[in-house]
C-alpha cells in the first residue's frame, strides 16, 4: 500500500510541469478566428436574406 511518495507530487505552480509552462485551454488566436468567422458568416447570411 502506497502511503506517501518520496517525490514532490504537489507543485507550488500547478501550471508548470518540469519547469515548462503547461498550456491549458484554447489560445487567443483560436478564439479570435472563431469570432471573425462567425461574424463573417452571419453578415453573409444577412445580405443573402435581404436580397431575396
Protein backbone atom coordinates (compact mmCIF):
# COMPACT_ATOMS: atom_id res chain seq x y z
CA UNK A 1 0.00 0.00 0.00
CA UNK A 2 1.41 3.37 -1.02
CA UNK A 3 1.17 5.84 1.82
CA UNK A 4 3.48 8.73 0.88
CA UNK A 5 5.54 9.49 -2.17
CA UNK A 6 9.18 10.39 -1.76
CA UNK A 7 9.00 12.82 -4.68
CA UNK A 8 7.32 16.19 -4.63
CA UNK A 9 3.90 15.45 -6.14
CA UNK A 10 2.40 18.79 -5.14
CA UNK A 11 3.85 21.67 -7.08
CA UNK A 12 3.79 25.27 -5.98
CA UNK A 13 2.94 26.23 -9.55
CA UNK A 14 0.38 23.70 -10.85
CA UNK A 15 0.56 25.21 -14.36
CA UNK A 16 4.21 24.24 -14.73
CA UNK A 17 5.47 20.75 -15.44
CA UNK A 18 9.22 20.10 -15.38
CA UNK A 19 9.94 23.83 -15.49
CA UNK A 20 7.97 24.31 -18.71
CA UNK A 21 4.64 26.15 -18.61
CA UNK A 22 1.78 23.76 -19.32
CA UNK A 23 -0.61 25.12 -21.93
CA UNK A 24 -4.21 24.74 -20.88
CA UNK A 25 -7.25 25.63 -22.91
CA UNK A 26 -7.65 27.16 -26.35
CA UNK A 27 -5.45 30.03 -27.43
CA UNK A 28 -6.49 33.60 -28.02
CA UNK A 29 -5.82 33.14 -31.74
CA UNK A 30 -8.32 30.28 -31.91
CA UNK A 31 -10.96 32.37 -30.14
CA UNK A 32 -10.33 35.32 -32.45
CA UNK A 33 -10.54 33.10 -35.53
CA UNK A 34 -13.85 31.66 -34.33
CA UNK A 35 -15.26 35.11 -33.64
CA UNK A 36 -14.24 36.51 -37.03
CA UNK A 37 -15.54 33.51 -38.98
CA UNK A 38 -18.87 33.62 -37.12
CA UNK A 39 -19.20 37.35 -37.77
CA UNK A 40 -18.43 36.94 -41.48
CA UNK A 41 -20.88 34.04 -41.84
CA UNK A 42 -23.65 35.98 -40.07
CA UNK A 43 -23.06 39.05 -42.23
CA UNK A 44 -23.16 36.99 -45.42
CA UNK A 45 -26.39 35.34 -44.31
CA UNK A 46 -27.97 38.73 -43.57
CA UNK A 47 -27.03 40.01 -47.05
CA UNK A 48 -28.39 36.88 -48.70
CA UNK A 49 -31.69 37.11 -46.84
CA UNK A 50 -32.10 40.82 -47.56
CA UNK A 51 -31.53 40.33 -51.31
CA UNK A 52 -34.45 37.87 -51.66
